């Protein structure tokens, strides 16, 4: 499958508000980019998102699927909730790879150290580990940056993460009030650097240890190194603890297609009939089926022949693609991608490969086929569906 999905090992939100600098939210169903007004001042204090994917899963994907692939593309996608408010007309969000490891924790927003005497058991604005060991985020080093070490008024304690910056490390996305607010950062360069560290033991700047990513607003610390004088509103995204299908996702894409036909029977015009010859109702996550399609003209040309036309192998054009939808929600999981979801062809006909490991289990999925030919674009959706199980 030329689209593969990895789901987070951990994610959390860290808050710079003076009453929440040691708050851990490792078990909250949402991630938040917020600007909270101070209780005793006119400063708006930002929050930031931390997210990490497993080394073992990244390594396994490269070893099994990408070892012989010359190029790939990687995107980190977060799905917005319905709760977004007080947003400016436009703003820019930034993503960077983190310098240091961090602990996720198991606490929630209401487990408040300032009020309930709770000691944080995971990362916060102040600490990369917890409120017992109290290991601060690391200080500056070559090629890294942080927010600040505090301010002259000592209102913003700690540094809220330390990250690599510069060309090849930074990803940005601009959103506006007419945007759907979903985030889709391209992180190809960052994943290449993580891969170089895992396989070639490369060090900075060619390779970096996988400590995950930090997501923040651009210039979220501008006012005396405390916060900002502008309310930039609240953006909320589903976390890995969500009870929906909208978990954050690291999407790896590559072209695994091969188009080699054994005849000139290309269906480049006219109506066609299409069905799957080996699609099952159910697959386990560990399976990697090769799905084959039967294709033929709906109204075959009249010819004198000694064999059935249905025995001939017909091919869709090389501009043919597949897509996958969640059967229940209709959410597009894999779009028709003219670069990364092309159908393949061999002596037996048309086919494509799927890696079920990249799809969430215990859900039904719908397959769609797109065929571009001389008559235009046709979409085939004849209730082709399957279920993925554990």
Protein backbone atom coordinates (compact mmCIF):
# COMPACT_ATOMS: atom_id res chain seq x y z
CA UNK A 1 0.00 0.00 0.00
CA UNK A 2 1.48 3.32 -1.03
CA UNK A 3 -0.19 5.05 1.92
CA UNK A 4 0.79 3.91 5.40
CA UNK A 5 -0.45 5.29 8.71
CA UNK A 6 1.32 5.44 12.06
CA UNK A 7 -0.55 6.46 15.19
CA UNK A 8 1.10 8.28 18.12
CA UNK A 9 2.90 6.56 20.93
CA UNK A 10 2.07 9.58 23.08
CA UNK A 11 0.89 13.19 22.94
CA UNK A 12 0.11 15.97 25.38
CA UNK A 13 -0.43 19.73 25.73
CA UNK A 14 1.84 21.94 27.87
CA UNK A 15 0.64 25.29 29.23
CA UNK A 16 2.60 28.47 30.01
CA UNK A 17 -0.15 30.14 32.05
CA UNK A 18 1.43 30.92 35.47
CA UNK A 19 -1.09 28.66 37.22
CA UNK A 20 -0.54 25.75 34.84
CA UNK A 21 3.20 25.61 34.14
CA UNK A 22 3.51 22.26 35.93
CA UNK A 23 0.22 20.81 34.61
CA UNK A 24 0.31 17.47 32.79
CA UNK A 25 -2.49 16.55 30.36
CA UNK A 26 -1.21 13.24 28.99
CA UNK A 27 -4.60 11.52 29.19
CA UNK A 28 -6.83 14.23 27.70
CA UNK A 29 -8.83 13.38 24.56
CA UNK A 30 -7.87 16.67 22.90
CA UNK A 31 -4.72 18.66 22.17
CA UNK A 32 -4.90 22.42 22.46
CA UNK A 33 -3.18 25.47 20.99
CA UNK A 34 -4.53 28.12 23.32
CA UNK A 35 -3.83 31.66 24.45
CA UNK A 36 -5.09 32.14 28.00
CA UNK A 37 -5.38 35.59 29.52
CA UNK A 38 -3.44 36.04 32.73
CA UNK A 39 -5.31 36.41 36.01
CA UNK A 40 -3.38 39.48 37.12
CA UNK A 41 -2.15 41.00 33.85
CA UNK A 42 -3.06 41.60 30.20
CA UNK A 43 -0.77 38.90 28.85
CA UNK A 44 -2.09 35.98 26.80
CA UNK A 45 -0.15 32.84 27.63
CA UNK A 46 0.31 30.15 24.93
CA UNK A 47 0.08 26.39 25.07
CA UNK A 48 1.98 23.95 22.85
CA UNK A 49 1.47 20.39 21.63
CA UNK A 50 3.97 17.53 22.02
CA UNK A 51 3.57 14.36 19.93
CA UNK A 52 5.73 11.30 19.27
CA UNK A 53 5.60 8.15 17.12
CA UNK A 54 7.34 4.88 17.99
CA UNK A 55 10.88 4.26 16.82
CA UNK A 56 10.07 0.58 16.30
CA UNK A 57 7.15 1.30 13.97
CA UNK A 58 9.11 3.82 11.89
CA UNK A 59 12.01 1.39 11.68
CA UNK A 60 9.76 -1.53 10.72
CA UNK A 61 8.14 0.47 7.93
CA UNK A 62 11.49 1.44 6.43
CA UNK A 63 12.82 -2.10 6.64
CA UNK A 64 9.74 -3.78 5.16
CA UNK A 65 8.49 -1.29 2.59
CA UNK A 66 10.86 1.61 2.00
CA UNK A 67 14.25 -0.10 1.89
CA UNK A 68 14.29 -0.21 -1.91
CA UNK A 69 12.11 2.87 -2.50
CA UNK A 70 14.12 5.87 -3.77
CA UNK A 71 11.77 8.51 -2.36
CA UNK A 72 8.77 8.96 -0.10
CA UNK A 73 6.68 11.75 1.35
CA UNK A 74 5.61 12.14 4.98
CA UNK A 75 2.84 14.25 6.49
CA UNK A 76 1.67 14.72 10.07
CA UNK A 77 -2.07 15.24 10.22
CA UNK A 78 -4.20 16.43 13.14
CA UNK A 79 -7.98 16.56 12.99
CA UNK A 80 -9.77 19.53 14.49
CA UNK A 81 -12.65 19.20 16.93
CA UNK A 82 -15.74 21.39 16.61
CA UNK A 83 -14.49 23.61 19.42
CA UNK A 84 -12.46 26.48 17.96
CA UNK A 85 -13.13 30.03 19.07
CA UNK A 86 -11.92 33.66 19.06
CA UNK A 87 -9.60 33.02 16.15
CA UNK A 88 -7.92 35.79 14.12
CA UNK A 89 -8.45 36.09 10.38
CA UNK A 90 -5.27 34.13 9.74
CA UNK A 91 -2.33 32.70 11.64
CA UNK A 92 0.72 30.50 11.11
CA UNK A 93 1.49 27.32 13.02
CA UNK A 94 4.94 25.77 13.29
CA UNK A 95 6.30 22.26 13.82
CA UNK A 96 9.81 21.32 14.94
CA UNK A 97 11.51 18.09 16.09
CA UNK A 98 12.19 18.04 19.83
CA UNK A 99 15.73 17.87 21.19
CA UNK A 100 14.93 15.96 24.37
CA UNK A 101 12.92 12.93 25.39
CA UNK A 102 9.84 13.52 27.55
CA UNK A 103 7.29 11.59 29.60
CA UNK A 104 3.68 11.53 28.51
CA UNK A 105 1.99 11.23 31.89
CA UNK A 106 -1.52 10.04 32.64
CA UNK A 107 -3.18 13.12 34.04
CA UNK A 108 -6.01 15.34 32.89
CA UNK A 109 -6.68 19.07 32.80
CA UNK A 110 -8.55 19.00 36.13
CA UNK A 111 -5.62 17.29 37.90
CA UNK A 112 -4.45 20.74 38.83
CA UNK A 113 -1.21 21.11 40.84
CA UNK A 114 -2.06 24.69 41.86
CA UNK A 115 -5.40 23.82 43.42
CA UNK A 116 -5.48 20.13 44.27
CA UNK A 117 -1.91 19.56 45.36
CA UNK A 118 -1.45 17.06 42.52
CA UNK A 119 2.13 16.33 41.52
CA UNK A 120 2.46 15.99 37.75
CA UNK A 121 3.55 12.57 36.49
CA UNK A 122 4.41 13.69 32.96
CA UNK A 123 5.72 16.52 30.81
CA UNK A 124 4.69 20.12 31.47
CA UNK A 125 5.89 23.59 30.52
CA UNK A 126 8.38 23.42 33.40
CA UNK A 127 9.60 19.83 33.22
CA UNK A 128 10.26 17.27 30.50
CA UNK A 129 9.58 14.38 32.87
CA UNK A 130 7.44 15.01 35.97
CA UNK A 131 6.95 17.03 39.12
CA UNK A 132 9.00 14.65 41.26
CA UNK A 133 12.26 14.36 39.33
CA UNK A 134 11.82 17.90 37.96
CA UNK A 135 14.24 17.64 35.05
CA UNK A 136 13.95 20.88 33.10
CA UNK A 137 13.89 21.09 29.34
CA UNK A 138 17.52 21.30 28.11
CA UNK A 139 19.14 24.65 27.51
CA UNK A 140 20.34 26.07 24.22
CA UNK A 141 22.86 24.14 22.15
CA UNK A 142 24.03 24.55 18.52
CA UNK A 143 21.11 24.24 16.11
CA UNK A 144 18.44 24.34 18.80
CA UNK A 145 16.21 26.96 20.32
CA UNK A 146 13.67 27.40 23.12
CA UNK A 147 11.09 29.96 24.11
CA UNK A 148 12.81 31.64 27.07
CA UNK A 149 14.44 31.00 30.42
CA UNK A 150 11.99 33.21 32.27
CA UNK A 151 11.33 36.91 32.21
CA UNK A 152 12.26 40.00 34.17
CA UNK A 153 8.93 39.68 35.98
CA UNK A 154 9.36 35.91 36.46
CA UNK A 155 5.84 35.29 35.17
CA UNK A 156 6.75 32.71 32.56
CA UNK A 157 8.83 30.04 34.22
CA UNK A 158 10.64 27.28 32.34
CA UNK A 159 11.15 27.10 28.62
CA UNK A 160 8.25 25.08 27.22
CA UNK A 161 10.33 22.66 25.17
CA UNK A 162 13.60 22.72 23.23
CA UNK A 163 13.63 22.05 19.50
CA UNK A 164 15.82 21.97 16.41
CA UNK A 165 15.25 24.83 13.98
CA UNK A 166 16.39 25.92 10.54
CA UNK A 167 16.20 24.51 7.04
CA UNK A 168 15.10 20.87 7.02
CA UNK A 169 13.78 21.02 10.58
CA UNK A 170 10.89 23.48 10.42
CA UNK A 171 7.43 22.91 8.92
CA UNK A 172 4.75 25.59 8.82
CA UNK A 173 1.08 25.82 7.95
CA UNK A 174 -1.09 28.88 7.57
CA UNK A 175 -4.76 28.67 8.49
CA UNK A 176 -7.58 31.19 8.20
CA UNK A 177 -11.15 31.56 9.40
CA UNK A 178 -12.40 29.95 6.18
CA UNK A 179 -10.08 26.98 6.70
CA UNK A 180 -11.34 23.69 8.09
CA UNK A 181 -8.50 23.96 10.68
CA UNK A 182 -7.22 20.42 10.13
CA UNK A 183 -3.41 20.41 10.19
CA UNK A 184 -1.34 18.65 7.57
CA UNK A 185 2.37 19.39 8.05
CA UNK A 186 4.85 17.98 5.56
CA UNK A 187 7.58 16.29 7.63
CA UNK A 188 9.52 14.39 4.95
CA UNK A 189 12.86 16.02 5.82
CA UNK A 190 12.43 15.43 9.56
CA UNK A 191 11.53 11.75 9.05
CA UNK A 192 14.55 11.32 6.76
CA UNK A 193 16.78 12.68 9.53
CA UNK A 194 15.19 10.32 12.07
CA UNK A 195 15.68 7.42 9.66
CA UNK A 196 19.34 8.37 9.19
CA UNK A 197 19.79 8.27 12.95
CA UNK A 198 18.06 4.89 13.28
CA UNK A 199 19.86 3.14 10.42
CA UNK A 200 23.15 4.97 9.80
CA UNK A 201 23.61 6.29 13.35
CA UNK A 202 23.94 9.75 11.80
CA UNK A 203 24.11 12.70 14.18
CA UNK A 204 23.00 16.32 13.93
CA UNK A 205 22.45 17.88 11.44
CA UNK A 206 22.12 14.85 9.12
CA UNK A 207 20.44 12.67 11.72
CA UNK A 208 18.43 13.33 14.88
CA UNK A 209 17.08 11.12 17.63
CA UNK A 210 13.34 10.63 17.46
CA UNK A 211 11.98 12.60 20.41
CA UNK A 212 8.80 13.59 18.63
CA UNK A 213 7.60 17.01 17.56
CA UNK A 214 6.45 20.26 19.11
CA UNK A 215 3.62 22.24 17.48
CA UNK A 216 3.19 25.90 18.35
CA UNK A 217 1.93 29.19 17.05
CA UNK A 218 4.37 31.47 15.27
CA UNK A 219 5.76 34.12 17.64
CA UNK A 220 3.68 32.85 20.55
CA UNK A 221 6.16 34.46 22.99
CA UNK A 222 6.62 38.15 22.14
CA UNK A 223 5.74 40.25 25.20
CA UNK A 224 8.68 40.47 27.64
CA UNK A 225 9.29 36.79 26.89
CA UNK A 226 6.03 35.97 28.67
CA UNK A 227 3.34 35.62 26.02
CA UNK A 228 1.57 37.95 23.62
CA UNK A 229 -0.68 40.99 23.89
CA UNK A 230 -3.14 39.47 21.42
CA UNK A 231 -5.78 36.83 21.99
CA UNK A 232 -5.09 34.31 19.23
CA UNK A 233 -8.01 32.12 20.25
CA UNK A 234 -8.24 28.41 20.90
CA UNK A 235 -7.58 25.56 18.48
CA UNK A 236 -8.42 22.03 19.61
CA UNK A 237 -7.45 18.74 17.97
CA UNK A 238 -8.21 15.10 18.73
CA UNK A 239 -5.43 13.33 20.63
CA UNK A 240 -4.35 9.69 20.53
CA UNK A 241 -6.72 9.15 23.49
CA UNK A 242 -9.75 10.10 21.42
CA UNK A 243 -12.61 7.63 21.18
CA UNK A 244 -13.11 8.54 17.53
CA UNK A 245 -11.36 7.63 14.26
CA UNK A 246 -9.63 11.02 14.22
CA UNK A 247 -6.40 10.24 16.05
CA UNK A 248 -3.31 12.20 14.94
CA UNK A 249 -1.63 10.35 12.09
CA UNK A 250 1.81 10.19 10.55
CA UNK A 251 1.18 9.42 6.87
CA UNK A 252 4.00 7.92 4.80
CA UNK A 253 3.43 7.81 1.03
CA UNK A 254 5.42 6.30 -1.81
CA UNK A 255 4.84 5.06 -5.37
CA UNK A 256 4.75 1.26 -5.44
CA UNK A 257 2.97 0.95 -8.79
CA UNK A 258 4.13 -0.95 -11.87
CA UNK A 259 2.23 -0.71 -15.15
CA UNK A 260 3.21 -3.53 -17.54
CA UNK A 261 0.46 -4.90 -19.78
CA UNK A 262 0.47 -8.14 -21.77
CA UNK A 263 -1.83 -6.86 -24.54
CA UNK A 264 -3.11 -3.72 -26.19
CA UNK A 265 -6.60 -4.14 -24.72
CA UNK A 266 -6.62 -0.77 -22.94
CA UNK A 267 -10.07 0.48 -22.02
CA UNK A 268 -9.48 4.09 -23.05
CA UNK A 269 -13.10 4.87 -23.97
CA UNK A 270 -16.64 3.60 -23.53
CA UNK A 271 -18.45 2.20 -20.50
CA UNK A 272 -16.81 -0.60 -18.56
CA UNK A 273 -17.73 -3.16 -15.93
CA UNK A 274 -15.44 -3.48 -12.96
CA UNK A 275 -15.32 -5.78 -9.94
CA UNK A 276 -12.83 -7.28 -7.51
CA UNK A 277 -11.92 -10.92 -8.04
CA UNK A 278 -10.46 -11.64 -4.61
CA UNK A 279 -11.79 -9.03 -2.15
CA UNK A 280 -12.72 -10.68 1.15
CA UNK A 281 -15.20 -9.39 3.72
CA UNK A 282 -12.61 -9.31 6.49
CA UNK A 283 -8.86 -8.96 6.96
CA UNK A 284 -6.59 -9.06 9.99
CA UNK A 285 -4.28 -6.12 10.64
CA UNK A 286 -1.27 -8.31 9.94
CA UNK A 287 -2.35 -9.07 6.36
CA UNK A 288 -1.05 -7.46 3.18
CA UNK A 289 -3.41 -8.53 0.39
CA UNK A 290 -2.88 -7.91 -3.29
CA UNK A 291 -6.32 -6.95 -4.62
CA UNK A 292 -7.12 -7.76 -8.25
CA UNK A 293 -9.73 -6.17 -10.47
CA UNK A 294 -11.65 -7.70 -13.36
CA UNK A 295 -12.35 -5.13 -16.06
CA UNK A 296 -14.07 -5.37 -19.43
CA UNK A 297 -16.18 -3.33 -21.79
CA UNK A 298 -19.82 -3.16 -20.81
CA UNK A 299 -20.73 -3.63 -24.48
CA UNK A 300 -17.96 -5.62 -26.22
CA UNK A 301 -17.26 -4.96 -29.88
CA UNK A 302 -18.82 -7.45 -32.28
CA UNK A 303 -16.19 -9.78 -33.65
CA UNK A 304 -15.98 -13.28 -35.03
CA UNK A 305 -13.98 -15.38 -32.58
CA UNK A 306 -13.70 -18.92 -31.29
CA UNK A 307 -13.37 -17.93 -27.61
CA UNK A 308 -15.34 -15.83 -25.16
CA UNK A 309 -14.45 -12.15 -24.96
CA UNK A 310 -14.81 -12.46 -21.18
CA UNK A 311 -11.63 -14.55 -21.09
CA UNK A 312 -9.52 -11.72 -22.51
CA UNK A 313 -7.57 -9.52 -20.10
CA UNK A 314 -8.49 -5.84 -20.35
CA UNK A 315 -6.66 -3.00 -18.69
CA UNK A 316 -7.64 0.35 -17.31
CA UNK A 317 -5.44 3.22 -18.42
CA UNK A 318 -2.28 4.02 -16.48
CA UNK A 319 -4.18 7.03 -15.09
CA UNK A 320 -6.25 4.91 -12.70
CA UNK A 321 -6.31 5.18 -8.92
CA UNK A 322 -7.87 3.79 -5.75
CA UNK A 323 -9.31 5.50 -2.68
CA UNK A 324 -10.45 4.28 0.74
CA UNK A 325 -13.23 5.73 2.88
CA UNK A 326 -14.35 4.95 6.39
CA UNK A 327 -17.61 3.12 5.71
CA UNK A 328 -19.56 4.64 8.59
CA UNK A 329 -18.37 8.24 8.72
CA UNK A 330 -17.65 8.63 4.97
CA UNK A 331 -14.35 10.24 5.96
CA UNK A 332 -11.74 9.86 3.22
CA UNK A 333 -8.84 7.84 4.64
CA UNK A 334 -6.82 7.59 1.42
CA UNK A 335 -7.72 10.08 -1.33
CA UNK A 336 -7.37 9.56 -5.06
CA UNK A 337 -3.71 10.56 -5.26
CA UNK A 338 -2.36 10.80 -8.80
CA UNK A 339 1.18 10.18 -7.52
CA UNK A 340 0.80 7.66 -4.71
CA UNK A 341 -2.38 5.57 -5.27
CA UNK A 342 -1.88 4.52 -8.88
CA UNK A 343 -3.16 1.09 -9.92
CA UNK A 344 -0.65 -1.47 -11.20
CA UNK A 345 -0.88 -3.81 -14.17
CA UNK A 346 0.71 -7.16 -15.02
CA UNK A 347 -0.03 -10.20 -17.18
CA UNK A 348 -3.06 -11.04 -15.03
CA UNK A 349 -4.69 -7.61 -15.14
CA UNK A 350 -5.05 -4.64 -12.80
CA UNK A 351 -4.15 -4.74 -9.10
CA UNK A 352 -2.95 -2.81 -6.07
CA UNK A 353 -1.54 -3.71 -2.66
CA UNK A 354 -2.90 -2.86 0.78
CA UNK A 355 -1.14 -3.06 4.13
CA UNK A 356 -3.88 -3.52 6.70
CA UNK A 357 -1.48 -2.66 9.54
CA UNK A 358 -1.91 0.98 8.62
CA UNK A 359 -5.70 0.99 9.07
CA UNK A 360 -7.51 1.21 12.39
CA UNK A 361 -8.99 -2.15 13.45
CA UNK A 362 -12.63 -3.07 14.08
CA UNK A 363 -13.89 -0.74 11.37
CA UNK A 364 -15.37 -1.15 7.90
CA UNK A 365 -13.81 0.52 4.88
CA UNK A 366 -15.10 1.25 1.39
CA UNK A 367 -12.99 0.99 -1.78
CA UNK A 368 -13.45 3.33 -4.73
CA UNK A 369 -11.75 3.20 -8.13
CA UNK A 370 -11.10 6.17 -10.40
CA UNK A 371 -10.50 5.66 -14.14
CA UNK A 372 -9.31 8.50 -16.38
CA UNK A 373 -9.69 7.87 -20.11
CA UNK A 374 -10.60 9.68 -23.33
CA UNK A 375 -14.20 10.07 -22.15
CA UNK A 376 -13.19 11.84 -18.93
CA UNK A 377 -13.10 10.69 -15.30
CA UNK A 378 -15.26 7.85 -13.97
CA UNK A 379 -15.61 6.85 -10.30
CA UNK A 380 -16.63 3.26 -9.52
CA UNK A 381 -18.33 2.80 -6.15
CA UNK A 382 -20.29 -0.44 -6.17
CA UNK A 383 -20.27 -1.00 -2.41
CA UNK A 384 -16.84 -2.64 -2.37
CA UNK A 385 -16.13 -2.88 1.36
CA UNK A 386 -14.13 -4.85 3.91
CA UNK A 387 -13.49 -4.94 7.65
CA UNK A 388 -10.14 -4.81 9.46
CA UNK A 389 -9.85 -6.86 12.67
CA UNK A 390 -7.14 -7.24 15.30
